[in-house]
Amino acid sequence: MSESWIVGINPVEGALSNDAERVRELVVEQGQRNARVLELAERAKALKITVNHRPREQLDKLAGEARHQGVAALYEAPPMAHENDLAALMERDGSNTLVLVLDGVTDPHNLGACLRSAAAAKVTAVIVPKDRAVGLTPVVRRASAGGADRVPLIAVTNLARTLRELKDAGVWITGLAGDADTSVYGVDFKGPVAIVLGGEGEGIRRLTRELCDFVAKIPMPGTMESLNVSVATGVVLFEALRQRSAKR
């Protein structure tokens, strides 16, 4: 396990709310008057977490390029879920299984935003290839606004093999590609499904696409040809949720 600094009001609040036992220390800027920061300090004290008040320069150093808003937390990150955990997660969710596969998302802000959407959509697991993903860095955790602690992120050695295992388990796989003929609004997302999105520039790889049962696009009548991967993730996940709630 590794320790890292989580900075900013929302990320620190998420850590205290969802995983307080892993917060080792809270650092608050000296002279801080922000009511939310002071409330976080009181919560930490109530949880028996050490709270230290330090000059702004020290928080600037801890935060690097991130905006700390006067508060930082030293956090012991839990180990990422293992690919062997996937079968149990799908068994737990059964026909409600909803898997998000990100094939090569390397920007930490995008991965964090995707995890945030995945957590909001109650995704079973987020799958990334070990050699084409950024991992759970402090920037990813901040961008996820607590989502990184609420949805399992699984880095797999062989993405093609994992996709085949999903198919063997009865999961229908839909990949997103801008040149597809089918709209995501014409795809049936009810039942156990996996949704595959590609990286920021290349999209999904050829072999990944070939292993999808369906390939679909998000219709864009405007002048833009593509969406940011995190925005596209939110669109398709909540279209899946809309369909799945309508069946009840």
C-alpha atoms as a PDB file:
ATOM      1  CA  MET A   1       0.000   0.000   0.000  1.00  0.00           C
ATOM      2  CA  SER A   2       1.160   3.548  -0.675  1.00  0.00           C
ATOM      3  CA  GLU A   3       0.465   6.891   0.951  1.00  0.00           C
ATOM      4  CA  SER A   4      -0.300  10.031  -1.024  1.00  0.00           C
ATOM      5  CA  TRP A   5      -1.755  13.463  -0.419  1.00  0.00           C
ATOM      6  CA  ILE A   6      -5.359  14.159  -1.357  1.00  0.00           C
ATOM      7  CA  VAL A   7      -5.997  17.889  -1.677  1.00  0.00           C
ATOM      8  CA  GLY A   8      -9.096  20.028  -2.031  1.00  0.00           C
ATOM      9  CA  ILE A   9     -12.339  20.237  -0.066  1.00  0.00           C
ATOM     10  CA  ASN A  10     -14.427  17.710  -2.041  1.00  0.00           C
ATOM     11  CA  PRO A  11     -11.720  15.008  -2.337  1.00  0.00           C
ATOM     12  CA  VAL A  12     -10.833  15.275   1.368  1.00  0.00           C
ATOM     13  CA  GLU A  13     -14.507  15.204   2.314  1.00  0.00           C
ATOM     14  CA  GLY A  14     -14.944  12.094   0.156  1.00  0.00           C
ATOM     15  CA  ALA A  15     -12.041  10.375   1.904  1.00  0.00           C
ATOM     16  CA  LEU A  16     -13.413  11.194   5.356  1.00  0.00           C
ATOM     17  CA  SER A  17     -16.917  10.090   4.416  1.00  0.00           C
ATOM     18  CA  ASN A  18     -16.066   6.871   2.586  1.00  0.00           C
ATOM     19  CA  ASP A  19     -12.693   5.675   3.857  1.00  0.00           C
ATOM     20  CA  ALA A  20     -11.820   7.550   7.054  1.00  0.00           C
ATOM     21  CA  GLU A  21      -9.801   4.658   8.459  1.00  0.00           C
ATOM     22  CA  ARG A  22      -7.254   5.226   5.688  1.00  0.00           C
ATOM     23  CA  VAL A  23      -6.779   8.929   6.416  1.00  0.00           C
ATOM     24  CA  ARG A  24      -3.589   9.273   8.427  1.00  0.00           C
ATOM     25  CA  GLU A  25      -3.371  13.056   8.851  1.00  0.00           C
ATOM     26  CA  LEU A  26      -5.185  16.252   7.941  1.00  0.00           C
ATOM     27  CA  VAL A  27      -3.265  19.437   7.179  1.00  0.00           C
ATOM     28  CA  VAL A  28      -5.145  22.739   7.303  1.00  0.00           C
ATOM     29  CA  GLU A  29      -3.748  26.081   6.194  1.00  0.00           C
ATOM     30  CA  GLN A  30      -2.954  28.417   9.088  1.00  0.00           C
ATOM     31  CA  GLY A  31      -5.545  31.158   9.513  1.00  0.00           C
ATOM     32  CA  GLN A  32      -8.080  29.235   7.453  1.00  0.00           C
ATOM     33  CA  ARG A  33     -11.625  30.626   7.791  1.00  0.00           C
ATOM     34  CA  ASN A  34     -13.494  28.618   5.193  1.00  0.00           C
ATOM     35  CA  ALA A  35     -16.410  27.025   7.059  1.00  0.00           C
ATOM     36  CA  ARG A  36     -16.211  23.761   5.098  1.00  0.00           C
ATOM     37  CA  VAL A  37     -12.486  23.373   5.769  1.00  0.00           C
ATOM     38  CA  LEU A  38     -12.996  24.028   9.480  1.00  0.00           C
ATOM     39  CA  GLU A  39     -15.850  21.498   9.526  1.00  0.00           C
ATOM     40  CA  LEU A  40     -13.546  18.905   7.933  1.00  0.00           C
ATOM     41  CA  ALA A  41     -10.972  19.570  10.630  1.00  0.00           C
ATOM     42  CA  GLU A  42     -13.583  19.022  13.351  1.00  0.00           C
ATOM     43  CA  ARG A  43     -14.761  15.796  11.710  1.00  0.00           C
ATOM     44  CA  ALA A  44     -11.189  14.545  11.515  1.00  0.00           C
ATOM     45  CA  LYS A  45     -10.606  15.303  15.201  1.00  0.00           C
ATOM     46  CA  ALA A  46     -13.800  13.462  16.105  1.00  0.00           C
ATOM     47  CA  LEU A  47     -12.475  10.485  14.152  1.00  0.00           C
ATOM     48  CA  LYS A  48      -9.195  10.620  16.116  1.00  0.00           C
ATOM     49  CA  ILE A  49      -7.251  11.745  13.026  1.00  0.00           C
ATOM     50  CA  THR A  50      -4.306  14.068  13.651  1.00  0.00           C
ATOM     51  CA  VAL A  51      -4.978  17.624  12.431  1.00  0.00           C
ATOM     52  CA  ASN A  52      -2.032  19.951  11.853  1.00  0.00           C
ATOM     53  CA  HIS A  53      -2.121  23.634  10.897  1.00  0.00           C
ATOM     54  CA  ARG A  54       0.637  24.618   8.482  1.00  0.00           C
ATOM     55  CA  PRO A  55       1.646  27.668   6.396  1.00  0.00           C
ATOM     56  CA  ARG A  56       0.159  27.979   2.925  1.00  0.00           C
ATOM     57  CA  GLU A  57       3.593  27.350   1.390  1.00  0.00           C
ATOM     58  CA  GLN A  58       3.646  23.843   2.839  1.00  0.00           C
ATOM     59  CA  LEU A  59       0.238  23.007   1.385  1.00  0.00           C
ATOM     60  CA  ASP A  60       1.360  24.425  -1.963  1.00  0.00           C
ATOM     61  CA  LYS A  61       4.279  22.000  -1.872  1.00  0.00           C
ATOM     62  CA  LEU A  62       2.049  19.040  -0.958  1.00  0.00           C
ATOM     63  CA  ALA A  63      -0.459  19.873  -3.684  1.00  0.00           C
ATOM     64  CA  GLY A  64       1.972  20.450  -6.537  1.00  0.00           C
ATOM     65  CA  GLU A  65      -0.051  21.883  -9.419  1.00  0.00           C
ATOM     66  CA  ALA A  66      -3.408  20.979  -7.866  1.00  0.00           C
ATOM     67  CA  ARG A  67      -5.632  23.515  -6.076  1.00  0.00           C
ATOM     68  CA  HIS A  68      -5.690  22.564  -2.404  1.00  0.00           C
ATOM     69  CA  GLN A  69      -8.276  25.113  -1.098  1.00  0.00           C
ATOM     70  CA  GLY A  70      -6.532  25.140   2.263  1.00  0.00           C
ATOM     71  CA  VAL A  71      -6.798  21.452   3.154  1.00  0.00           C
ATOM     72  CA  ALA A  72      -4.936  18.211   2.451  1.00  0.00           C
ATOM     73  CA  ALA A  73      -5.183  14.659   3.746  1.00  0.00           C
ATOM     74  CA  LEU A  74      -2.495  11.988   3.909  1.00  0.00           C
ATOM     75  CA  TYR A  75      -4.238   8.912   2.569  1.00  0.00           C
ATOM     76  CA  GLU A  76      -3.183   5.275   2.557  1.00  0.00           C
ATOM     77  CA  ALA A  77      -4.549   3.996  -0.721  1.00  0.00           C
ATOM     78  CA  PRO A  78      -6.133   0.534  -0.697  1.00  0.00           C
ATOM     79  CA  PRO A  79      -4.889  -1.981  -3.259  1.00  0.00           C
ATOM     80  CA  MET A  80      -6.684  -1.932  -6.589  1.00  0.00           C
ATOM     81  CA  ALA A  81      -9.142  -4.731  -7.224  1.00  0.00           C
ATOM     82  CA  HIS A  82      -7.582  -7.766  -8.940  1.00  0.00           C
ATOM     83  CA  GLU A  83      -8.801  -9.216 -12.211  1.00  0.00           C
ATOM     84  CA  ASN A  84      -9.620 -12.414 -10.325  1.00  0.00           C
ATOM     85  CA  ASP A  85     -12.225 -10.387  -8.396  1.00  0.00           C
ATOM     86  CA  LEU A  86     -14.285  -9.696 -11.514  1.00  0.00           C
ATOM     87  CA  ALA A  87     -16.234 -12.963 -11.511  1.00  0.00           C
ATOM     88  CA  ALA A  88     -17.406 -12.430  -7.927  1.00  0.00           C
ATOM     89  CA  LEU A  89     -18.416  -8.822  -8.678  1.00  0.00           C
ATOM     90  CA  MET A  90     -20.503  -9.959 -11.660  1.00  0.00           C
ATOM     91  CA  GLU A  91     -22.058 -12.759  -9.625  1.00  0.00           C
ATOM     92  CA  ARG A  92     -23.011 -10.203  -6.975  1.00  0.00           C
ATOM     93  CA  ASP A  93     -24.757  -7.937  -9.500  1.00  0.00           C
ATOM     94  CA  GLY A  94     -26.229 -10.694 -11.681  1.00  0.00           C
ATOM     95  CA  SER A  95     -28.512  -9.348 -14.403  1.00  0.00           C
ATOM     96  CA  ASN A  96     -27.704  -5.798 -13.222  1.00  0.00           C
ATOM     97  CA  THR A  97     -24.036  -6.198 -14.156  1.00  0.00           C
ATOM     98  CA  LEU A  98     -22.779  -3.016 -15.814  1.00  0.00           C
ATOM     99  CA  VAL A  99     -19.081  -2.972 -16.660  1.00  0.00           C
ATOM    100  CA  LEU A 100     -17.162   0.010 -18.023  1.00  0.00           C
ATOM    101  CA  VAL A 101     -14.063  -0.813 -20.093  1.00  0.00           C
ATOM    102  CA  LEU A 102     -11.612   2.004 -20.863  1.00  0.00           C
ATOM    103  CA  ASP A 103      -9.174   0.974 -23.590  1.00  0.00           C
ATOM    104  CA  GLY A 104      -6.236   3.326 -23.222  1.00  0.00           C
ATOM    105  CA  VAL A 105      -7.414   6.338 -21.200  1.00  0.00           C
ATOM    106  CA  THR A 106      -4.098   7.798 -20.092  1.00  0.00           C
ATOM    107  CA  ASP A 107      -5.087  11.302 -18.982  1.00  0.00           C
ATOM    108  CA  PRO A 108      -5.556  11.258 -15.174  1.00  0.00           C
ATOM    109  CA  HIS A 109      -8.272  13.920 -15.252  1.00  0.00           C
ATOM    110  CA  ASN A 110     -10.254  11.906 -17.799  1.00  0.00           C
ATOM    111  CA  LEU A 111      -9.859   8.660 -15.861  1.00  0.00           C
ATOM    112  CA  GLY A 112     -10.930  10.388 -12.660  1.00  0.00           C
ATOM    113  CA  ALA A 113     -13.990  11.886 -14.345  1.00  0.00           C
ATOM    114  CA  CYS A 114     -14.886   8.468 -15.794  1.00  0.00           C
ATOM    115  CA  LEU A 115     -14.657   6.916 -12.321  1.00  0.00           C
ATOM    116  CA  ARG A 116     -16.913   9.649 -10.967  1.00  0.00           C
ATOM    117  CA  SER A 117     -19.566   8.865 -13.593  1.00  0.00           C
ATOM    118  CA  ALA A 118     -19.118   5.132 -13.028  1.00  0.00           C
ATOM    119  CA  ALA A 119     -19.679   5.510  -9.296  1.00  0.00           C
ATOM    120  CA  ALA A 120     -22.766   7.664  -9.901  1.00  0.00           C
ATOM    121  CA  ALA A 121     -24.146   5.017 -12.267  1.00  0.00           C
ATOM    122  CA  LYS A 122     -23.394   2.181  -9.796  1.00  0.00           C
ATOM    123  CA  VAL A 123     -21.111   0.420 -12.252  1.00  0.00           C
ATOM    124  CA  THR A 124     -20.035  -3.093 -11.260  1.00  0.00           C
ATOM    125  CA  ALA A 125     -16.382  -2.505 -12.169  1.00  0.00           C
ATOM    126  CA  VAL A 126     -14.182  -0.328 -14.350  1.00  0.00           C
ATOM    127  CA  ILE A 127     -11.635  -2.305 -16.373  1.00  0.00           C
ATOM    128  CA  VAL A 128      -8.440  -0.858 -17.842  1.00  0.00           C
ATOM    129  CA  PRO A 129      -5.411  -2.523 -19.475  1.00  0.00           C
ATOM    130  CA  LYS A 130      -2.335  -2.442 -17.254  1.00  0.00           C
ATOM    131  CA  ASP A 131      -0.076  -1.112 -19.989  1.00  0.00           C
ATOM    132  CA  ARG A 132      -2.442   1.572 -21.323  1.00  0.00           C
ATOM    133  CA  ALA A 133      -3.834   3.338 -18.256  1.00  0.00           C
ATOM    134  CA  VAL A 134      -2.640   5.917 -15.779  1.00  0.00           C
ATOM    135  CA  GLY A 135      -3.502   4.080 -12.532  1.00  0.00           C
ATOM    136  CA  LEU A 136      -4.910   5.473  -9.282  1.00  0.00           C
ATOM    137  CA  THR A 137      -2.724   8.551  -8.891  1.00  0.00           C
ATOM    138  CA  PRO A 138      -3.556  11.456  -6.546  1.00  0.00           C
ATOM    139  CA  VAL A 139      -4.703  13.465  -9.583  1.00  0.00           C
ATOM    140  CA  VAL A 140      -7.075  10.653 -10.585  1.00  0.00           C
ATOM    141  CA  ARG A 141      -8.464  10.492  -7.065  1.00  0.00           C
ATOM    142  CA  ARG A 142      -9.028  14.236  -6.978  1.00  0.00           C
ATOM    143  CA  ALA A 143     -10.729  14.275 -10.377  1.00  0.00           C
ATOM    144  CA  SER A 144     -12.971  11.379  -9.347  1.00  0.00           C
ATOM    145  CA  ALA A 145     -14.386  13.391  -6.397  1.00  0.00           C
ATOM    146  CA  GLY A 146     -14.586  10.211  -4.299  1.00  0.00           C
ATOM    147  CA  GLY A 147     -15.545   7.916  -7.169  1.00  0.00           C
ATOM    148  CA  ALA A 148     -12.195   6.124  -7.006  1.00  0.00           C
ATOM    149  CA  ASP A 149     -13.162   4.834  -3.555  1.00  0.00           C
ATOM    150  CA  ARG A 150     -16.663   3.721  -4.564  1.00  0.00           C
ATOM    151  CA  VAL A 151     -16.202   1.645  -7.717  1.00  0.00           C
ATOM    152  CA  PRO A 152     -13.667  -1.186  -8.249  1.00  0.00           C
ATOM    153  CA  LEU A 153     -10.938  -0.296 -10.749  1.00  0.00           C
ATOM    154  CA  ILE A 154      -9.358  -3.417 -12.235  1.00  0.00           C
ATOM    155  CA  ALA A 155      -6.178  -3.308 -14.324  1.00  0.00           C
ATOM    156  CA  VAL A 156      -5.959  -6.448 -16.479  1.00  0.00           C
ATOM    157  CA  THR A 157      -2.908  -7.958 -18.124  1.00  0.00           C
ATOM    158  CA  ASN A 158      -4.687  -8.971 -21.332  1.00  0.00           C
ATOM    159  CA  LEU A 159      -7.757  -6.917 -22.243  1.00  0.00           C
ATOM    160  CA  ALA A 160      -8.762  -9.171 -25.153  1.00  0.00           C
ATOM    161  CA  ARG A 161      -8.793 -12.208 -22.880  1.00  0.00           C
ATOM    162  CA  THR A 162     -10.884 -10.335 -20.301  1.00  0.00           C
ATOM    163  CA  LEU A 163     -13.413  -9.334 -22.975  1.00  0.00           C
ATOM    164  CA  ARG A 164     -13.704 -12.983 -24.041  1.00  0.00           C
ATOM    165  CA  GLU A 165     -14.286 -13.954 -20.403  1.00  0.00           C
ATOM    166  CA  LEU A 166     -17.045 -11.354 -20.160  1.00  0.00           C
ATOM    167  CA  LYS A 167     -18.700 -12.789 -23.286  1.00  0.00           C
ATOM    168  CA  ASP A 168     -18.413 -16.333 -21.900  1.00  0.00           C
ATOM    169  CA  ALA A 169     -20.143 -15.094 -18.730  1.00  0.00           C
ATOM    170  CA  GLY A 170     -23.114 -13.862 -20.761  1.00  0.00           C
ATOM    171  CA  VAL A 171     -22.198 -10.190 -20.855  1.00  0.00           C
ATOM    172  CA  TRP A 172     -23.065  -8.316 -24.063  1.00  0.00           C
ATOM    173  CA  ILE A 173     -20.349  -5.873 -25.108  1.00  0.00           C
ATOM    174  CA  THR A 174     -20.925  -2.568 -26.897  1.00  0.00           C
ATOM    175  CA  GLY A 175     -18.008  -0.475 -28.112  1.00  0.00           C
ATOM    176  CA  LEU A 176     -18.229   3.227 -28.954  1.00  0.00           C
ATOM    177  CA  ALA A 177     -16.805   4.481 -32.242  1.00  0.00           C
ATOM    178  CA  GLY A 178     -17.546   7.635 -34.168  1.00  0.00           C
ATOM    179  CA  ASP A 179     -17.741   5.816 -37.523  1.00  0.00           C
ATOM    180  CA  ALA A 180     -20.374   3.293 -36.403  1.00  0.00           C
ATOM    181  CA  ASP A 181     -23.724   3.169 -38.188  1.00  0.00           C
ATOM    182  CA  THR A 182     -25.794   2.386 -35.095  1.00  0.00           C
ATOM    183  CA  SER A 183     -26.747   4.980 -32.483  1.00  0.00           C
ATOM    184  CA  VAL A 184     -26.266   4.199 -28.796  1.00  0.00           C
ATOM    185  CA  TYR A 185     -29.962   5.007 -28.466  1.00  0.00           C
ATOM    186  CA  GLY A 186     -30.710   2.004 -30.671  1.00  0.00           C
ATOM    187  CA  VAL A 187     -28.689  -0.470 -28.601  1.00  0.00           C
ATOM    188  CA  ASP A 188     -30.364  -2.651 -25.970  1.00  0.00           C
ATOM    189  CA  PHE A 189     -28.460  -2.063 -22.728  1.00  0.00           C
ATOM    190  CA  LYS A 190     -30.737  -4.157 -20.515  1.00  0.00           C
ATOM    191  CA  GLY A 191     -29.280  -7.198 -18.772  1.00  0.00           C
ATOM    192  CA  PRO A 192     -25.569  -7.860 -18.143  1.00  0.00           C
ATOM    193  CA  VAL A 193     -23.639  -5.454 -20.372  1.00  0.00           C
ATOM    194  CA  ALA A 194     -20.182  -3.970 -20.812  1.00  0.00           C
ATOM    195  CA  ILE A 195     -19.534  -0.636 -22.486  1.00  0.00           C
ATOM    196  CA  VAL A 196     -16.138  -0.037 -24.102  1.00  0.00           C
ATOM    197  CA  LEU A 197     -14.625   3.382 -24.788  1.00  0.00           C
ATOM    198  CA  GLY A 198     -11.230   4.139 -26.254  1.00  0.00           C
ATOM    199  CA  GLY A 199      -8.470   6.552 -25.395  1.00  0.00           C
ATOM    200  CA  GLU A 200      -8.333  10.271 -25.938  1.00  0.00           C
ATOM    201  CA  GLY A 201      -6.944  10.154 -29.466  1.00  0.00           C
ATOM    202  CA  GLU A 202      -7.069   6.690 -30.992  1.00  0.00           C
ATOM    203  CA  GLY A 203     -10.390   5.350 -29.765  1.00  0.00           C
ATOM    204  CA  ILE A 204     -10.791   1.628 -29.183  1.00  0.00           C
ATOM    205  CA  ARG A 205      -8.127  -0.617 -30.720  1.00  0.00           C
ATOM    206  CA  ARG A 206      -8.883  -2.898 -33.665  1.00  0.00           C
ATOM    207  CA  LEU A 207      -8.842  -6.173 -31.683  1.00  0.00           C
ATOM    208  CA  THR A 208     -10.945  -4.628 -28.925  1.00  0.00           C
ATOM    209  CA  ARG A 209     -13.495  -3.521 -31.508  1.00  0.00           C
ATOM    210  CA  GLU A 210     -13.597  -6.955 -33.108  1.00  0.00           C
ATOM    211  CA  LEU A 211     -14.467  -8.507 -29.745  1.00  0.00           C
ATOM    212  CA  CYS A 212     -17.477  -6.222 -29.230  1.00  0.00           C
ATOM    213  CA  ASP A 213     -20.936  -7.634 -29.959  1.00  0.00           C
ATOM    214  CA  PHE A 214     -22.118  -4.194 -31.086  1.00  0.00           C
ATOM    215  CA  VAL A 215     -20.427  -0.967 -32.129  1.00  0.00           C
ATOM    216  CA  ALA A 216     -22.363   2.272 -31.752  1.00  0.00           C
ATOM    217  CA  LYS A 217     -21.897   6.016 -31.828  1.00  0.00           C
ATOM    218  CA  ILE A 218     -23.287   8.987 -29.929  1.00  0.00           C
ATOM    219  CA  PRO A 219     -25.184  11.064 -32.517  1.00  0.00           C
ATOM    220  CA  MET A 220     -23.754  14.565 -32.819  1.00  0.00           C
ATOM    221  CA  PRO A 221     -25.722  16.819 -35.176  1.00  0.00           C
ATOM    222  CA  GLY A 222     -23.537  19.795 -34.324  1.00  0.00           C
ATOM    223  CA  THR A 223     -20.180  20.786 -35.771  1.00  0.00           C
ATOM    224  CA  MET A 224     -17.978  18.768 -33.380  1.00  0.00           C
ATOM    225  CA  GLU A 225     -16.820  15.320 -34.493  1.00  0.00           C
ATOM    226  CA  SER A 226     -16.157  13.804 -31.077  1.00  0.00           C
ATOM    227  CA  LEU A 227     -16.675  14.165 -27.337  1.00  0.00           C
ATOM    228  CA  ASN A 228     -14.171  14.025 -24.523  1.00  0.00           C
ATOM    229  CA  VAL A 229     -14.006  10.395 -23.322  1.00  0.00           C
ATOM    230  CA  SER A 230     -15.297  11.288 -19.866  1.00  0.00           C
ATOM    231  CA  VAL A 231     -18.292  13.129 -21.331  1.00  0.00           C
ATOM    232  CA  ALA A 232     -19.011  10.213 -23.685  1.00  0.00           C
ATOM    233  CA  THR A 233     -18.796   7.841 -20.715  1.00  0.00           C
ATOM    234  CA  GLY A 234     -21.452   9.798 -18.837  1.00  0.00           C
ATOM    235  CA  VAL A 235     -23.762   9.923 -21.869  1.00  0.00           C
ATOM    236  CA  VAL A 236     -23.715   6.198 -22.567  1.00  0.00           C
ATOM    237  CA  LEU A 237     -23.791   5.049 -18.924  1.00  0.00           C
ATOM    238  CA  PHE A 238     -26.882   7.078 -18.203  1.00  0.00           C
ATOM    239  CA  GLU A 239     -28.565   5.949 -21.411  1.00  0.00           C
ATOM    240  CA  ALA A 240     -27.988   2.406 -20.135  1.00  0.00           C
ATOM    241  CA  LEU A 241     -29.475   3.356 -16.752  1.00  0.00           C
ATOM    242  CA  ARG A 242     -32.486   4.964 -18.433  1.00  0.00           C
ATOM    243  CA  GLN A 243     -33.223   1.771 -20.342  1.00  0.00           C
ATOM    244  CA  ARG A 244     -32.659  -0.476 -17.337  1.00  0.00           C
ATOM    245  CA  SER A 245     -34.940   1.555 -15.080  1.00  0.00           C
ATOM    246  CA  ALA A 246     -37.646   1.583 -17.768  1.00  0.00           C
ATOM    247  CA  LYS A 247     -37.827  -2.215 -17.788  1.00  0.00           C
ATOM    248  CA  ARG A 248     -39.002  -2.306 -14.187  1.00  0.00           C
END
